[in-house]
């Protein structure tokens, strides 16, 4: 019993010693801890104020200003969408005037696609690269658009990589088989027959009810003929 009592007393002594050291450490560094906590609080206050008083009002204004550019985009009036019409801002104005907003980010996407439709492929890639999103349906569309631009520029390796990024980013019947088919077509045209055949066969197996899946058999047969020649 005496031994157990001594062990408990030793344990209590160790705990008390640890607490004393901790208290002393806090006391010795109290000024520094107060400064650190004050800085953290100040950063949070500044961030919330910046977001609520600056970013949010600009976000609302940017979305309102971008309305007409989006209308022009929907009507395929891409020059007006990009540059504005003299009365309403274009996407480039939104990007320049409303940086750090979601609207400016989205304007980069619209601008990239607009330049793609206008045949200005390098500009298309630049603006599409500036666009940031984690939307599972939009990511493959953006990567696929980059692939289309690279293909038009004759950069087939980059086109294939972009199409792969498009169909690997999201598995769905709406976009995945489209970009798989585009990737396989480029692979086939570049003589990468084994890779092309593999992708065609995956389309047949995984997406048989899609337009690409229903038509893929002829591509498979064509590649097999090429392999045997």
Protein backbone atom coordinates (compact mmCIF):
# COMPACT_ATOMS: atom_id res chain seq x y z
CA UNK A 1 0.00 0.00 0.00
CA UNK A 2 2.82 2.39 0.91
CA UNK A 3 4.46 1.70 -2.44
CA UNK A 4 1.26 2.49 -4.35
CA UNK A 5 0.85 5.65 -2.27
CA UNK A 6 4.38 6.74 -3.12
CA UNK A 7 3.76 6.08 -6.85
CA UNK A 8 0.60 8.18 -6.77
CA UNK A 9 2.39 10.98 -4.99
CA UNK A 10 5.19 10.84 -7.57
CA UNK A 11 2.60 10.99 -10.40
CA UNK A 12 0.88 13.96 -8.80
CA UNK A 13 4.24 15.67 -8.37
CA UNK A 14 5.05 15.14 -12.07
CA UNK A 15 1.66 16.54 -13.12
CA UNK A 16 2.07 19.54 -10.83
CA UNK A 17 5.58 20.10 -12.16
CA UNK A 18 4.32 19.94 -15.76
CA UNK A 19 1.49 22.37 -15.02
CA UNK A 20 3.87 24.73 -13.29
CA UNK A 21 6.24 24.70 -16.28
CA UNK A 22 3.33 25.26 -18.70
CA UNK A 23 2.02 28.16 -16.61
CA UNK A 24 5.50 29.64 -16.47
CA UNK A 25 5.89 29.23 -20.25
CA UNK A 26 2.57 30.99 -20.87
CA UNK A 27 3.48 33.74 -18.43
CA UNK A 28 6.90 34.26 -20.02
CA UNK A 29 5.38 34.44 -23.51
CA UNK A 30 2.12 36.16 -22.64
CA UNK A 31 2.97 39.29 -24.59
CA UNK A 32 3.88 37.31 -27.69
CA UNK A 33 0.74 35.14 -27.44
CA UNK A 34 -1.40 38.26 -27.07
CA UNK A 35 0.18 39.74 -30.20
CA UNK A 36 -0.34 36.50 -32.19
CA UNK A 37 -4.00 36.23 -31.15
CA UNK A 38 -4.51 39.91 -31.96
CA UNK A 39 -2.99 39.50 -35.42
CA UNK A 40 -5.21 36.47 -36.16
CA UNK A 41 -8.33 38.37 -35.06
CA UNK A 42 -7.31 41.37 -37.15
CA UNK A 43 -6.77 39.18 -40.25
CA UNK A 44 -10.22 37.61 -39.82
CA UNK A 45 -11.87 41.00 -39.38
CA UNK A 46 -10.09 42.46 -42.42
CA UNK A 47 -10.98 39.42 -44.55
CA UNK A 48 -14.65 39.52 -43.59
CA UNK A 49 -14.80 43.26 -44.13
CA UNK A 50 -13.03 43.01 -47.48
CA UNK A 51 -15.36 40.23 -48.62
CA UNK A 52 -18.61 41.80 -47.48
CA UNK A 53 -17.91 45.46 -48.16
CA UNK A 54 -15.80 45.19 -51.33
CA UNK A 55 -16.00 41.81 -53.09
CA UNK A 56 -19.71 41.07 -52.69
CA UNK A 57 -20.95 44.45 -54.00
CA UNK A 58 -18.52 44.21 -56.93
CA UNK A 59 -19.72 40.67 -57.59
CA UNK A 60 -23.33 41.83 -57.83
CA UNK A 61 -22.37 44.74 -60.07
CA UNK A 62 -20.22 42.53 -62.32
CA UNK A 63 -23.02 40.02 -62.83
CA UNK A 64 -25.41 42.79 -63.78
CA UNK A 65 -22.88 44.34 -66.17
CA UNK A 66 -22.16 40.98 -67.82
CA UNK A 67 -25.79 40.23 -68.66
CA UNK A 68 -25.72 41.73 -72.16
CA UNK A 69 -22.40 40.08 -73.05
CA UNK A 70 -23.96 36.73 -72.14
CA UNK A 71 -26.90 37.54 -74.38
CA UNK A 72 -24.58 38.26 -77.29
CA UNK A 73 -22.72 35.02 -76.58
CA UNK A 74 -25.96 33.03 -76.70
CA UNK A 75 -26.72 34.63 -80.09
CA UNK A 76 -23.23 33.74 -81.41
CA UNK A 77 -22.36 37.44 -81.67
CA UNK A 78 -18.90 36.69 -80.30
CA UNK A 79 -17.16 39.96 -81.17
CA UNK A 80 -19.83 41.94 -79.36
CA UNK A 81 -19.72 39.49 -76.48
CA UNK A 82 -15.96 39.89 -76.12
CA UNK A 83 -15.60 43.62 -76.71
CA UNK A 84 -18.99 45.08 -75.85
CA UNK A 85 -21.17 47.27 -78.05
CA UNK A 86 -20.29 50.73 -76.77
CA UNK A 87 -23.22 50.80 -74.38
CA UNK A 88 -22.70 47.54 -72.52
CA UNK A 89 -19.48 45.95 -71.30
CA UNK A 90 -17.94 42.95 -73.02
CA UNK A 91 -16.27 40.01 -71.32
CA UNK A 92 -12.82 41.60 -71.61
CA UNK A 93 -14.11 44.65 -69.72
CA UNK A 94 -15.53 42.42 -67.00
CA UNK A 95 -12.19 40.64 -66.62
CA UNK A 96 -10.30 43.94 -66.43
CA UNK A 97 -12.70 45.92 -64.27
CA UNK A 98 -13.92 43.23 -61.89
CA UNK A 99 -10.89 41.12 -61.08
CA UNK A 100 -11.15 38.69 -58.13
CA UNK A 101 -14.88 38.14 -58.72
CA UNK A 102 -16.60 34.95 -59.84
CA UNK A 103 -18.07 36.92 -62.74
CA UNK A 104 -14.59 37.83 -64.03
CA UNK A 105 -13.57 34.18 -63.72
CA UNK A 106 -16.63 33.08 -65.71
CA UNK A 107 -15.93 35.81 -68.27
CA UNK A 108 -12.58 34.11 -68.95
CA UNK A 109 -14.47 30.95 -69.93
CA UNK A 110 -16.86 32.83 -72.19
CA UNK A 111 -13.96 34.73 -73.77
CA UNK A 112 -12.01 31.55 -74.42
CA UNK A 113 -14.95 29.84 -76.08
CA UNK A 114 -15.73 32.99 -78.09
CA UNK A 115 -12.19 33.17 -79.43
CA UNK A 116 -12.37 29.47 -80.27
CA UNK A 117 -15.50 30.09 -82.34
CA UNK A 118 -13.82 33.05 -84.03
CA UNK A 119 -10.79 30.95 -84.99
CA UNK A 120 -8.37 32.76 -82.68
CA UNK A 121 -7.05 29.59 -81.12
CA UNK A 122 -4.05 30.84 -79.15
CA UNK A 123 -6.18 33.47 -77.44
CA UNK A 124 -8.80 30.79 -76.77
CA UNK A 125 -6.27 28.60 -74.95
CA UNK A 126 -4.97 31.57 -72.93
CA UNK A 127 -8.37 32.53 -71.59
CA UNK A 128 -9.53 28.96 -71.03
CA UNK A 129 -6.39 28.39 -68.96
CA UNK A 130 -7.31 31.44 -66.86
CA UNK A 131 -10.70 29.95 -66.02
CA UNK A 132 -10.94 27.99 -62.76
CA UNK A 133 -13.79 25.65 -61.87
CA UNK A 134 -14.51 22.38 -60.12
CA UNK A 135 -17.93 21.90 -61.73
CA UNK A 136 -18.06 18.25 -62.83
CA UNK A 137 -19.89 19.06 -66.06
CA UNK A 138 -18.00 22.23 -66.93
CA UNK A 139 -14.46 20.92 -66.38
CA UNK A 140 -14.64 18.43 -69.28
CA UNK A 141 -16.17 21.07 -71.56
CA UNK A 142 -13.30 23.46 -70.81
CA UNK A 143 -10.63 20.80 -71.34
CA UNK A 144 -12.37 19.65 -74.50
CA UNK A 145 -12.42 23.21 -75.82
CA UNK A 146 -8.68 23.43 -75.20
CA UNK A 147 -8.29 20.19 -77.13
CA UNK A 148 -10.21 21.64 -80.08
CA UNK A 149 -8.00 24.75 -80.05
CA UNK A 150 -4.77 22.74 -79.86
CA UNK A 151 -5.96 20.53 -82.71
CA UNK A 152 -6.61 23.57 -84.89
CA UNK A 153 -3.12 24.83 -84.03
CA UNK A 154 -1.66 21.51 -85.19
CA UNK A 155 -0.47 20.62 -81.67
CA UNK A 156 -1.85 17.09 -81.71
CA UNK A 157 -0.05 15.84 -78.59
CA UNK A 158 -1.52 18.67 -76.54
CA UNK A 159 -4.91 18.06 -78.14
CA UNK A 160 -4.84 14.40 -77.11
CA UNK A 161 -3.76 15.33 -73.58
CA UNK A 162 -6.58 17.86 -73.29
CA UNK A 163 -9.17 15.39 -74.55
CA UNK A 164 -7.89 12.79 -72.09
CA UNK A 165 -8.16 15.35 -69.28
CA UNK A 166 -11.72 16.05 -70.45
CA UNK A 167 -12.94 12.47 -70.34
CA UNK A 168 -10.98 11.52 -67.22
CA UNK A 169 -12.27 14.49 -65.21
CA UNK A 170 -15.86 13.27 -65.12
CA UNK A 171 -17.49 9.95 -65.98
CA UNK A 172 -20.87 10.62 -67.54
CA UNK A 173 -22.72 9.73 -70.74
CA UNK A 174 -23.12 13.35 -71.78
CA UNK A 175 -19.49 14.42 -72.27
CA UNK A 176 -17.21 11.44 -71.64
CA UNK A 177 -17.84 9.49 -74.87
CA UNK A 178 -17.63 12.69 -76.94
CA UNK A 179 -14.11 13.46 -75.79
CA UNK A 180 -13.07 9.83 -75.87
CA UNK A 181 -14.12 9.74 -79.51
CA UNK A 182 -12.23 12.95 -80.28
CA UNK A 183 -9.10 11.64 -78.56
CA UNK A 184 -9.29 8.33 -80.41
CA UNK A 185 -9.81 10.07 -83.76
CA UNK A 186 -6.63 12.11 -83.26
CA UNK A 187 -4.71 9.05 -82.06
CA UNK A 188 -5.80 7.17 -85.16
CA UNK A 189 -4.83 10.05 -87.46
CA UNK A 190 -1.41 10.15 -85.80
CA UNK A 191 -0.88 6.42 -86.34
CA UNK A 192 -1.32 5.52 -82.66
CA UNK A 193 -3.54 2.64 -83.66
CA UNK A 194 -3.29 0.50 -80.52
CA UNK A 195 -4.19 3.45 -78.28
CA UNK A 196 -7.01 4.50 -80.58
CA UNK A 197 -8.44 0.98 -80.68
CA UNK A 198 -8.35 0.74 -76.90
CA UNK A 199 -10.36 3.95 -76.52
CA UNK A 200 -12.86 2.95 -79.23
CA UNK A 201 -13.43 -0.38 -77.50
CA UNK A 202 -13.99 1.34 -74.16
CA UNK A 203 -16.63 3.53 -75.78
CA UNK A 204 -18.33 0.41 -77.12
CA UNK A 205 -18.23 -1.34 -73.74
CA UNK A 206 -19.09 1.53 -71.39
CA UNK A 207 -21.34 3.81 -73.47
CA UNK A 208 -23.19 1.57 -75.95
CA UNK A 209 -26.43 3.61 -75.89
CA UNK A 210 -24.80 6.96 -76.71
CA UNK A 211 -24.41 8.32 -80.23
CA UNK A 212 -20.69 7.55 -80.08
CA UNK A 213 -21.33 4.06 -78.76
CA UNK A 214 -23.80 3.24 -81.52
CA UNK A 215 -21.39 4.41 -84.23
CA UNK A 216 -18.07 3.23 -82.83
CA UNK A 217 -18.06 -0.22 -84.46
CA UNK A 218 -17.06 1.22 -87.84
CA UNK A 219 -14.09 2.98 -86.25
CA UNK A 220 -13.00 -0.24 -84.58
CA UNK A 221 -13.22 -2.08 -87.89
CA UNK A 222 -11.26 0.66 -89.66
CA UNK A 223 -8.42 0.57 -87.15
CA UNK A 224 -8.27 -3.24 -87.27
CA UNK A 225 -7.96 -3.09 -91.06
CA UNK A 226 -5.12 -0.59 -90.72
CA UNK A 227 -3.36 -2.82 -88.21
CA UNK A 228 -3.52 -5.79 -90.57
CA UNK A 229 -2.14 -3.90 -93.58
